C-alpha cells in the first residue's frame, strides 16, 4: 500500500512540474547550454593543444644536443583535455617552465611562462561556460525553482490537509516530492549531457576513447547528479521551514548567494589573515640574494686559498697562464682545491634553496588547506573543488607544476651544472666546459596527473557533498514530520 501511495504522489509531482512548464524550462536550458558550453570549451582546448604541440616541436627542433640546453631549456605543460568539464585554474597556470639566463656551474634558474595572453578577453570577462559552472549556477537555480513551494505552496493552497485526509504518511510525501524533483532535473541534465557528448564527438573529441577521459567524465557526471540531489534537498528543507512560498524564495536566494559567493570568498580572505604568506616574487628575491651572497663567499674563499697556497700565491697572471700552458702540476692542485670549495658551496646553495622552498611551500600549503577547509562549509565549493580535480584543472595541478619544476631543475643541475668546471685567478674566471655538447638532448616531458591523483584530490569533497545531500534531506524530513498544516 505504501509503495502504491508513493508512486501516486511521485506521478502527481511529475505531472505538476511538467504542466507548470518548469521541466520544459530546465530541459530547454540544459539542451542549449551544455552542448554550447562543450563546443566553446573544446574549441578553446583544441587551440591550446595546437599551440602546445607547435611549441614542443619548435623547441625540440632547436635543441638537438645537450649543449643547446646550456643556453635555454623549456618544459611545456599540456592543456587539460577535460577542460569542457571544468576549466578551473587552467587559464592561470603557466604553459611552460623556462630557464632564465644561461645554465652555469651555480645551477639553473627557472621561471614560469603563461602564453595564454589576451586573445580571448571575453572568457575572463564573462567567465567560463563549462559543465561545472552550468551545474553550479543553472542547475542549482532550477532545483530551487522546482521545490521552493513544494511544501509551503501546498500549505497556502490548502492541499496538504486534503492529501493527509487520506492517511498518507508524511515521510512518503516528502520523499516522493524529493524524488520527483530530482528525477526531472536529472533527466533534463542527462539529455543535455548526451547532446553535449554528441557535440564533442562531432568536433573530433573521443570522450569514450580511453579511460583517461571516460572515467573522469563519468565521475564528473555522478558529481553533478549528487549536486542536484543536494540542492533539491536544500530547497525542500527551506520550504518545510518557511511559512509561505514568498518567504521560502527569499530565504533560498539569500542562502544561495551565501553558499555560492560569500562562504568561498570569505574562506580565502580568512586564510590570508590567519596564515599570511610571502608572495612568490618576494621568495624568489630572497633566493637570489642568498645565492649571490654564497657565490660571493665562495669567491672570497678561493681568493684566500690562492693567496696562501705555496707556489701559487706569488704568481702573476702571466705566470699563471704560462704554468697552465706548460701543464704545471701546481695548476692541477689549485684546480682540485678550487673544485672542492665550489662543490661545498654548491651543496650549501642547494641546501639553502631547498630550505627556502620547503618553508615557503609549507606556509603556502597551510594557507591553501585552511582556505579549502573553510570553503567546504558550502556544498557549492565542495562540488567545484571535486570537479576541477577530476578534470585536472584544480589546486592539485599547482603542486604538480612545482614537482615538474623541481624535476627539470634536477636534470639541468646533474647533466650540465655539475659538469661545468671553472678556474678563477684574481679577478678573472674562465671555464673548462665538462659538458659533452654533442650528447643527444634529453626529452623533457611534463608529468601530468594520473587517475589515482585525480581521485585522491577529489574524493574528500565528493564525500562531503554527498553528506550535505543526506543532511539536508534529513533536515527536510524531520521538519516536515513536525510541520504545522494550519
Protein backbone atom coordinates (compact mmCIF):
# COMPACT_ATOMS: atom_id res chain seq x y z
CA UNK A 1 0.00 0.00 0.00
CA UNK A 2 2.79 2.40 0.91
CA UNK A 3 4.60 1.76 -2.35
CA UNK A 4 1.40 2.49 -4.27
CA UNK A 5 0.92 5.72 -2.33
CA UNK A 6 4.49 6.75 -3.07
CA UNK A 7 4.00 6.02 -6.78
CA UNK A 8 0.78 8.03 -6.90
CA UNK A 9 2.36 11.08 -5.25
CA UNK A 10 5.51 10.70 -7.35
CA UNK A 11 3.49 10.75 -10.60
CA UNK A 12 1.44 13.69 -9.30
CA UNK A 13 4.59 15.71 -8.64
CA UNK A 14 6.00 14.82 -12.05
CA UNK A 15 2.84 15.88 -13.88
CA UNK A 16 2.53 19.07 -11.85
CA UNK A 17 6.07 20.17 -12.67
CA UNK A 18 5.56 19.31 -16.33
CA UNK A 19 2.25 21.18 -16.53
CA UNK A 20 3.64 24.34 -14.94
CA UNK A 21 6.46 24.24 -17.54
CA UNK A 22 9.28 24.05 -15.01
CA UNK A 23 10.54 20.86 -16.61
CA UNK A 24 10.40 22.41 -20.07
CA UNK A 25 12.41 25.35 -18.76
CA UNK A 26 15.02 23.03 -17.28
CA UNK A 27 15.15 20.88 -20.40
CA UNK A 28 15.46 23.90 -22.69
CA UNK A 29 18.31 25.39 -20.70
CA UNK A 30 20.18 22.10 -20.48
CA UNK A 31 19.89 21.17 -24.17
CA UNK A 32 21.14 24.63 -25.16
CA UNK A 33 23.75 25.49 -22.55
CA UNK A 34 25.52 22.15 -22.11
CA UNK A 35 26.19 21.43 -25.82
CA UNK A 36 27.09 25.10 -26.37
CA UNK A 37 29.45 25.04 -23.41
CA UNK A 38 31.10 21.84 -24.61
CA UNK A 39 31.53 23.28 -28.11
CA UNK A 40 33.08 26.52 -26.85
CA UNK A 41 35.37 24.85 -24.35
CA UNK A 42 36.54 22.19 -26.79
CA UNK A 43 37.32 24.84 -29.42
CA UNK A 44 39.41 26.65 -26.82
CA UNK A 45 41.14 23.39 -25.82
CA UNK A 46 41.88 22.48 -29.44
CA UNK A 47 43.56 25.86 -29.99
CA UNK A 48 45.65 25.48 -26.83
CA UNK A 49 46.59 21.91 -27.74
CA UNK A 50 47.73 23.01 -31.21
CA UNK A 51 49.81 25.80 -29.66
CA UNK A 52 51.29 23.33 -27.18
CA UNK A 53 52.29 20.87 -29.90
CA UNK A 54 53.81 23.65 -32.03
CA UNK A 55 55.81 24.92 -29.04
CA UNK A 56 57.15 21.44 -28.25
CA UNK A 57 58.05 20.79 -31.88
CA UNK A 58 59.82 24.16 -32.25
CA UNK A 59 61.75 23.62 -29.03
CA UNK A 60 62.86 20.10 -29.95
CA UNK A 61 63.92 21.25 -33.43
CA UNK A 62 66.17 23.87 -31.86
CA UNK A 63 67.52 21.70 -29.04
CA UNK A 64 69.07 18.60 -30.53
CA UNK A 65 72.06 18.29 -28.18
CA UNK A 66 72.80 18.83 -24.51
CA UNK A 67 74.87 21.87 -25.41
CA UNK A 68 71.72 23.64 -26.58
CA UNK A 69 70.28 23.28 -23.10
CA UNK A 70 73.07 25.45 -21.66
CA UNK A 71 71.56 28.47 -23.40
CA UNK A 72 67.91 27.64 -22.74
CA UNK A 73 65.64 24.81 -21.70
CA UNK A 74 61.86 24.56 -21.51
CA UNK A 75 59.27 22.07 -20.30
CA UNK A 76 55.77 22.59 -21.68
CA UNK A 77 52.57 21.84 -19.77
CA UNK A 78 49.86 20.29 -21.96
CA UNK A 79 46.33 21.71 -21.62
CA UNK A 80 43.75 19.55 -19.88
CA UNK A 81 41.54 17.62 -22.35
CA UNK A 82 38.79 17.63 -19.71
CA UNK A 83 38.53 21.42 -19.63
CA UNK A 84 34.96 21.17 -21.05
CA UNK A 85 34.03 19.65 -17.66
CA UNK A 86 35.74 22.40 -15.69
CA UNK A 87 38.32 24.99 -16.70
CA UNK A 88 39.25 25.55 -13.05
CA UNK A 89 42.54 27.41 -12.83
CA UNK A 90 43.60 26.31 -16.31
CA UNK A 91 43.85 29.88 -17.65
CA UNK A 92 46.07 30.95 -14.75
CA UNK A 93 48.52 28.05 -14.88
CA UNK A 94 51.82 28.54 -16.75
CA UNK A 95 52.06 26.99 -20.18
CA UNK A 96 55.78 26.29 -19.77
CA UNK A 97 58.70 26.20 -17.33
CA UNK A 98 61.72 28.01 -18.81
CA UNK A 99 65.27 28.69 -17.74
CA UNK A 100 66.17 32.30 -17.00
CA UNK A 101 69.60 33.12 -18.43
CA UNK A 102 72.28 30.51 -19.03
CA UNK A 103 72.65 27.27 -17.13
CA UNK A 104 76.01 27.59 -15.36
CA UNK A 105 78.01 25.93 -12.65
CA UNK A 106 75.93 27.64 -9.95
CA UNK A 107 72.80 25.89 -11.15
CA UNK A 108 69.72 26.70 -13.19
CA UNK A 109 67.24 29.50 -12.53
CA UNK A 110 63.73 28.64 -13.70
CA UNK A 111 60.63 30.72 -14.25
CA UNK A 112 57.03 30.16 -15.28
CA UNK A 113 55.64 31.43 -18.56
CA UNK A 114 51.95 31.92 -19.36
CA UNK A 115 51.34 32.26 -23.09
CA UNK A 116 47.55 32.27 -22.92
CA UNK A 117 47.59 36.01 -23.50
CA UNK A 118 44.55 38.17 -24.03
CA UNK A 119 43.44 36.71 -27.33
CA UNK A 120 40.05 35.94 -25.82
CA UNK A 121 39.35 38.56 -23.11
CA UNK A 122 35.63 37.72 -23.01
CA UNK A 123 36.49 34.34 -21.50
CA UNK A 124 37.82 36.17 -18.44
CA UNK A 125 35.22 38.94 -18.51
CA UNK A 126 32.13 36.73 -18.59
CA UNK A 127 33.55 33.57 -17.03
CA UNK A 128 33.77 30.06 -18.48
CA UNK A 129 30.83 28.15 -19.92
CA UNK A 130 31.94 24.74 -18.74
CA UNK A 131 29.89 21.94 -17.22
CA UNK A 132 30.91 22.81 -13.66
CA UNK A 133 29.72 26.41 -13.99
CA UNK A 134 26.48 25.40 -15.69
CA UNK A 135 25.75 22.90 -12.93
CA UNK A 136 26.83 25.15 -10.06
CA UNK A 137 24.74 28.09 -11.23
CA UNK A 138 21.96 26.99 -13.60
CA UNK A 139 21.07 23.58 -12.15
CA UNK A 140 21.12 24.88 -8.59
CA UNK A 141 18.69 27.67 -9.52
CA UNK A 142 16.48 25.17 -11.31
CA UNK A 143 16.46 22.97 -8.21
CA UNK A 144 15.33 25.95 -6.15
CA UNK A 145 12.57 26.75 -8.65
CA UNK A 146 11.32 23.17 -8.57
CA UNK A 147 10.94 22.84 -4.82
CA UNK A 148 10.78 26.29 -3.21
CA UNK A 149 6.98 25.99 -2.86
CA UNK A 150 6.85 22.20 -2.71
CA UNK A 151 5.59 22.30 0.88
CA UNK A 152 4.84 25.95 1.67
CA UNK A 153 2.93 26.35 -1.60
CA UNK A 154 0.69 23.38 -0.92
CA UNK A 155 0.01 24.74 2.55
CA UNK A 156 -1.07 28.08 1.05
CA UNK A 157 -3.34 26.30 -1.46
CA UNK A 158 -4.68 24.13 1.41
CA UNK A 159 -3.99 20.93 -0.49
CA UNK A 160 -1.77 19.38 2.16
CA UNK A 161 -4.70 18.87 4.51
CA UNK A 162 -6.63 17.15 1.72
CA UNK A 163 -3.72 14.83 1.00
CA UNK A 164 -3.32 13.87 4.64
CA UNK A 165 -7.03 13.26 4.99
CA UNK A 166 -6.30 10.08 3.01
CA UNK A 167 -3.92 8.88 5.71
CA UNK A 168 -0.82 9.46 3.59
CA UNK A 169 2.34 9.13 5.70
CA UNK A 170 4.30 12.38 5.84
CA UNK A 171 7.53 10.51 5.21
CA UNK A 172 6.10 9.15 1.96
CA UNK A 173 5.01 12.59 0.77
CA UNK A 174 8.31 14.37 1.41
CA UNK A 175 10.30 11.51 -0.12
CA UNK A 176 8.10 11.46 -3.23
CA UNK A 177 8.45 15.24 -3.65
CA UNK A 178 12.24 14.99 -3.44
CA UNK A 179 12.42 12.03 -5.83
CA UNK A 180 10.17 13.69 -8.43
CA UNK A 181 12.09 16.98 -8.44
CA UNK A 182 15.42 15.19 -8.59
CA UNK A 183 14.25 12.87 -11.39
CA UNK A 184 13.04 15.72 -13.59
CA UNK A 185 16.14 17.91 -13.19
CA UNK A 186 18.44 14.90 -13.58
CA UNK A 187 16.58 13.86 -16.74
CA UNK A 188 16.94 17.35 -18.22
CA UNK A 189 20.62 17.36 -17.34
CA UNK A 190 21.30 13.92 -18.81
CA UNK A 191 19.54 14.81 -22.08
CA UNK A 192 21.65 17.97 -22.33
CA UNK A 193 24.77 15.98 -21.46
CA UNK A 194 24.04 13.43 -24.17
CA UNK A 195 23.71 16.19 -26.74
CA UNK A 196 26.92 17.72 -25.39
CA UNK A 197 28.77 14.42 -25.83
CA UNK A 198 27.47 14.17 -29.39
CA UNK A 199 28.70 17.72 -29.99
CA UNK A 200 32.16 16.79 -28.73
CA UNK A 201 32.17 13.67 -30.90
CA UNK A 202 31.31 15.75 -33.97
CA UNK A 203 34.20 18.08 -33.14
CA UNK A 204 36.60 15.14 -33.01
CA UNK A 205 36.96 14.64 -29.27
CA UNK A 206 36.60 10.96 -28.40
CA UNK A 207 35.00 11.18 -24.97
CA UNK A 208 34.77 7.42 -24.69
CA UNK A 209 38.11 6.79 -26.37
CA UNK A 210 40.17 5.94 -23.29
CA UNK A 211 39.92 5.50 -19.56
CA UNK A 212 41.89 8.75 -19.16
CA UNK A 213 38.78 10.65 -20.26
CA UNK A 214 35.98 8.11 -19.78
CA UNK A 215 36.37 7.51 -16.05
CA UNK A 216 36.81 11.18 -15.03
CA UNK A 217 33.89 12.13 -17.29
CA UNK A 218 31.69 9.52 -15.67
CA UNK A 219 32.76 10.60 -12.17
CA UNK A 220 32.05 14.25 -13.01
CA UNK A 221 28.60 13.25 -14.27
CA UNK A 222 27.94 11.46 -11.00
CA UNK A 223 29.15 14.52 -9.09
CA UNK A 224 26.64 16.72 -10.93
CA UNK A 225 23.82 14.31 -10.06
CA UNK A 226 24.84 14.35 -6.40
CA UNK A 227 24.95 18.16 -6.54
CA UNK A 228 21.40 18.22 -7.94
CA UNK A 229 20.38 15.94 -5.07
CA UNK A 230 21.95 18.36 -2.58
CA UNK A 231 20.27 21.48 -3.98
CA UNK A 232 16.85 19.81 -4.25
CA UNK A 233 17.05 18.78 -0.62
CA UNK A 234 18.24 22.24 0.39
CA UNK A 235 15.20 23.72 -1.33
CA UNK A 236 12.90 21.25 0.40
CA UNK A 237 14.48 21.99 3.77
CA UNK A 238 13.83 25.72 3.40
CA UNK A 239 10.32 25.07 2.08
CA UNK A 240 9.48 22.97 5.14
CA UNK A 241 10.77 25.72 7.44
CA UNK A 242 9.12 28.69 5.70
CA UNK A 243 5.63 29.98 6.37
CA UNK A 244 4.93 30.99 2.78
CA UNK A 245 6.23 30.49 -0.75
CA UNK A 246 7.48 34.08 -0.86
CA UNK A 247 9.50 33.75 2.33
CA UNK A 248 10.86 30.42 1.07
CA UNK A 249 12.02 32.00 -2.18
CA UNK A 250 13.61 34.99 -0.44
CA UNK A 251 15.38 32.71 2.03
CA UNK A 252 16.65 30.41 -0.72
CA UNK A 253 18.03 33.33 -2.73
CA UNK A 254 19.90 34.57 0.34
CA UNK A 255 21.19 31.09 1.12
CA UNK A 256 22.26 30.56 -2.50
CA UNK A 257 24.21 33.83 -2.53
CA UNK A 258 25.88 32.93 0.75
CA UNK A 259 26.85 29.44 -0.40
CA UNK A 260 27.95 30.47 -3.88
CA UNK A 261 29.65 33.79 -3.16
CA UNK A 262 30.15 34.68 0.50
CA UNK A 263 31.45 31.47 2.04
CA UNK A 264 34.12 30.66 -0.62
CA UNK A 265 35.45 34.22 -0.81
CA UNK A 266 35.35 34.73 2.95
CA UNK A 267 37.30 31.49 3.37
CA UNK A 268 40.12 32.82 1.18
CA UNK A 269 40.23 36.17 2.99
CA UNK A 270 40.21 34.47 6.40
CA UNK A 271 43.05 32.11 5.43
CA UNK A 272 45.21 35.06 4.33
CA UNK A 273 44.58 36.85 7.61
CA UNK A 274 45.18 33.81 9.82
CA UNK A 275 48.13 32.44 7.84
CA UNK A 276 49.83 35.21 5.86
CA UNK A 277 52.38 34.04 3.29
CA UNK A 278 55.04 35.92 1.34
CA UNK A 279 54.44 36.32 -2.37
CA UNK A 280 56.34 34.17 -4.86
CA UNK A 281 58.20 37.30 -6.08
CA UNK A 282 59.49 38.01 -2.57
CA UNK A 283 60.60 34.41 -2.12
CA UNK A 284 62.41 34.42 -5.49
CA UNK A 285 64.17 37.65 -4.48
CA UNK A 286 65.28 36.10 -1.18
CA UNK A 287 66.61 33.07 -3.03
CA UNK A 288 68.52 35.30 -5.45
CA UNK A 289 70.06 37.23 -2.55
CA UNK A 290 71.13 34.05 -0.77
CA UNK A 291 72.59 32.62 -3.98
CA UNK A 292 74.50 35.85 -4.67
CA UNK A 293 75.82 36.00 -1.10
CA UNK A 294 77.06 32.41 -1.12
CA UNK A 295 78.59 32.88 -4.57
CA UNK A 296 80.44 35.93 -3.24
CA UNK A 297 81.63 33.95 -0.21
CA UNK A 298 82.89 31.13 -2.43
CA UNK A 299 84.87 33.65 -4.47
CA UNK A 300 86.40 35.06 -1.28
CA UNK A 301 87.29 31.56 -0.10
CA UNK A 302 89.01 30.83 -3.42
CA UNK A 303 90.97 34.11 -3.23
CA UNK A 304 92.02 33.29 0.32
CA UNK A 305 93.20 29.86 -0.81
CA UNK A 306 95.11 31.40 -3.74
CA UNK A 307 96.91 33.90 -1.52
CA UNK A 308 98.07 31.19 0.89
CA UNK A 309 98.87 28.30 -1.48
CA UNK A 310 102.61 27.77 -1.87
CA UNK A 311 103.83 28.24 -5.44
CA UNK A 312 100.60 29.96 -6.48
CA UNK A 313 100.42 32.95 -4.13
CA UNK A 314 103.45 34.64 -5.73
CA UNK A 315 102.33 34.07 -9.34
CA UNK A 316 101.33 36.91 -11.58
CA UNK A 317 98.54 36.49 -14.13
CA UNK A 318 101.05 35.94 -16.93
CA UNK A 319 102.98 33.43 -14.87
CA UNK A 320 99.77 31.56 -14.04
CA UNK A 321 98.80 31.32 -17.72
CA UNK A 322 102.30 30.15 -18.60
CA UNK A 323 102.19 27.46 -15.91
CA UNK A 324 98.80 26.33 -17.19
CA UNK A 325 100.11 26.02 -20.75
CA UNK A 326 103.10 24.05 -19.52
CA UNK A 327 100.83 21.62 -17.58
CA UNK A 328 102.42 22.56 -14.26
CA UNK A 329 101.19 20.14 -11.50
CA UNK A 330 100.61 23.17 -9.26
CA UNK A 331 97.77 24.25 -11.55
CA UNK A 332 96.10 20.85 -11.27
CA UNK A 333 96.41 21.01 -7.47
CA UNK A 334 94.99 24.55 -7.49
CA UNK A 335 92.12 23.41 -9.70
CA UNK A 336 91.40 20.48 -7.38
CA UNK A 337 91.24 22.68 -4.28
CA UNK A 338 89.09 25.22 -6.07
CA UNK A 339 86.69 22.49 -7.20
CA UNK A 340 86.42 21.28 -3.60
CA UNK A 341 85.50 24.78 -2.45
CA UNK A 342 82.96 25.21 -5.25
CA UNK A 343 81.46 21.78 -4.57
CA UNK A 344 80.99 22.62 -0.88
CA UNK A 345 79.38 25.94 -1.67
CA UNK A 346 77.14 24.42 -4.33
CA UNK A 347 75.88 21.98 -1.71
CA UNK A 348 75.24 24.91 0.62
CA UNK A 349 73.39 26.76 -2.14
CA UNK A 350 71.27 23.69 -2.90
CA UNK A 351 70.53 23.26 0.79
CA UNK A 352 69.53 26.90 1.29
CA UNK A 353 67.35 26.88 -1.82
CA UNK A 354 65.64 23.69 -0.68
CA UNK A 355 65.17 25.15 2.80
CA UNK A 356 63.50 28.29 1.44
CA UNK A 357 61.34 26.27 -0.94
CA UNK A 358 60.27 23.92 1.84
CA UNK A 359 59.48 26.76 4.23
CA UNK A 360 57.51 28.71 1.65
CA UNK A 361 55.81 25.57 0.35
CA UNK A 362 54.73 24.55 3.85
CA UNK A 363 53.32 28.01 4.55
CA UNK A 364 51.55 28.20 1.20
CA UNK A 365 50.13 24.70 1.54
CA UNK A 366 48.88 25.52 5.03
CA UNK A 367 47.14 28.65 3.81
CA UNK A 368 45.61 26.82 0.86
CA UNK A 369 44.48 23.93 3.05
CA UNK A 370 42.86 26.32 5.54
CA UNK A 371 41.03 28.21 2.78
CA UNK A 372 39.83 24.97 1.23
CA UNK A 373 38.61 23.52 4.51
CA UNK A 374 36.74 26.70 5.42
CA UNK A 375 35.17 26.89 1.97
CA UNK A 376 33.88 23.34 2.43
CA UNK A 377 31.20 24.82 4.65
CA UNK A 378 29.47 25.40 1.31
CA UNK A 379 28.40 22.42 -0.82
CA UNK A 380 28.96 24.61 -3.88
CA UNK A 381 32.68 24.78 -3.03
CA UNK A 382 32.81 21.03 -2.47
CA UNK A 383 31.27 20.44 -5.87
CA UNK A 384 33.58 22.87 -7.71
CA UNK A 385 36.71 21.61 -5.94
CA UNK A 386 35.88 17.99 -6.66
CA UNK A 387 35.03 18.50 -10.32
CA UNK A 388 38.10 20.63 -11.04
CA UNK A 389 40.37 17.99 -9.50
CA UNK A 390 38.72 15.30 -11.62
CA UNK A 391 39.25 17.46 -14.72
CA UNK A 392 42.92 18.03 -13.83
CA UNK A 393 42.42 21.79 -13.55
CA UNK A 394 42.24 22.14 -9.77
CA UNK A 395 44.57 23.21 -6.99
CA UNK A 396 46.46 19.91 -7.11
CA UNK A 397 47.76 20.89 -10.55
CA UNK A 398 49.70 23.73 -8.91
CA UNK A 399 51.53 21.14 -6.81
CA UNK A 400 52.25 19.04 -9.90
CA UNK A 401 53.63 22.14 -11.61
CA UNK A 402 56.12 22.61 -8.77
CA UNK A 403 57.09 18.94 -8.92
CA UNK A 404 57.84 19.25 -12.63
CA UNK A 405 59.86 22.39 -11.99
CA UNK A 406 61.91 20.55 -9.38
CA UNK A 407 62.46 17.63 -11.77
CA UNK A 408 63.63 19.98 -14.54
CA UNK A 409 65.98 21.78 -12.16
CA UNK A 410 67.46 18.48 -11.00
CA UNK A 411 68.01 17.33 -14.58
CA UNK A 412 69.77 20.54 -15.61
CA UNK A 413 71.94 20.60 -12.50
CA UNK A 414 73.02 16.94 -12.81
CA UNK A 415 73.53 16.94 -16.58
CA UNK A 416 75.02 20.41 -17.01
CA UNK A 417 75.80 22.49 -13.91
CA UNK A 418 77.77 19.86 -12.01
CA UNK A 419 79.83 19.06 -15.11
CA UNK A 420 80.91 22.64 -15.77
CA UNK A 421 84.36 23.42 -14.35
CA UNK A 422 85.70 26.95 -13.92
CA UNK A 423 89.11 28.28 -12.97
CA UNK A 424 89.40 31.55 -11.04
CA UNK A 425 92.60 33.54 -10.62
CA UNK A 426 92.48 37.01 -9.09
CA UNK A 427 89.51 38.74 -10.75
CA UNK A 428 89.43 36.56 -13.85
CA UNK A 429 87.35 33.42 -14.28
CA UNK A 430 87.32 31.15 -17.29
CA UNK A 431 85.52 27.89 -17.84
CA UNK A 432 86.58 24.48 -18.78
CA UNK A 433 83.34 23.03 -20.07
CA UNK A 434 82.93 19.45 -18.91
CA UNK A 435 79.66 19.06 -20.77
CA UNK A 436 79.66 16.94 -23.90
CA UNK A 437 77.83 19.36 -26.17
CA UNK A 438 77.20 16.64 -28.75
CA UNK A 439 75.29 14.40 -26.33
CA UNK A 440 71.70 13.98 -27.58
CA UNK A 441 69.33 16.25 -25.69
CA UNK A 442 67.05 14.62 -23.10
CA UNK A 443 63.35 14.65 -23.82
CA UNK A 444 61.53 16.90 -21.38
CA UNK A 445 58.04 15.55 -20.79
CA UNK A 446 55.66 17.20 -18.35
CA UNK A 447 54.35 14.68 -15.84
CA UNK A 448 50.57 15.03 -15.79
CA UNK A 449 48.17 13.72 -13.18
CA UNK A 450 47.14 10.09 -13.16
CA UNK A 451 43.60 8.91 -12.48
CA UNK A 452 44.71 7.97 -8.96
CA UNK A 453 45.99 11.52 -8.38
CA UNK A 454 42.70 12.97 -9.55
CA UNK A 455 40.64 10.67 -7.35
CA UNK A 456 42.86 11.37 -4.34
CA UNK A 457 42.26 15.08 -4.77
CA UNK A 458 38.52 14.78 -5.41
CA UNK A 459 37.17 12.15 -3.02
CA UNK A 460 37.05 14.27 0.20
CA UNK A 461 34.92 16.92 -1.50
CA UNK A 462 32.74 14.32 -3.22
CA UNK A 463 32.15 12.51 0.07
CA UNK A 464 31.33 15.77 1.85
CA UNK A 465 28.99 16.79 -0.95
CA UNK A 466 27.05 13.53 -0.57
CA UNK A 467 26.95 14.10 3.19
CA UNK A 468 25.38 17.52 2.63
CA UNK A 469 22.70 15.91 0.47
CA UNK A 470 21.84 13.40 3.21
CA UNK A 471 21.97 16.11 5.89
CA UNK A 472 19.62 18.45 4.01
CA UNK A 473 17.17 15.64 3.29
CA UNK A 474 17.23 14.54 6.92
CA UNK A 475 16.54 18.14 7.93
CA UNK A 476 13.65 18.41 5.49
CA UNK A 477 12.32 15.01 6.58
CA UNK A 478 12.34 15.84 10.29
CA UNK A 479 10.96 19.34 9.72
CA UNK A 480 8.10 18.00 7.63
CA UNK A 481 7.20 15.40 10.23
CA UNK A 482 6.62 18.29 12.64
CA UNK A 483 5.15 20.65 10.04
CA UNK A 484 2.08 22.65 11.08
CA UNK A 485 -0.61 22.26 8.42
CA UNK A 486 -2.69 25.14 9.73
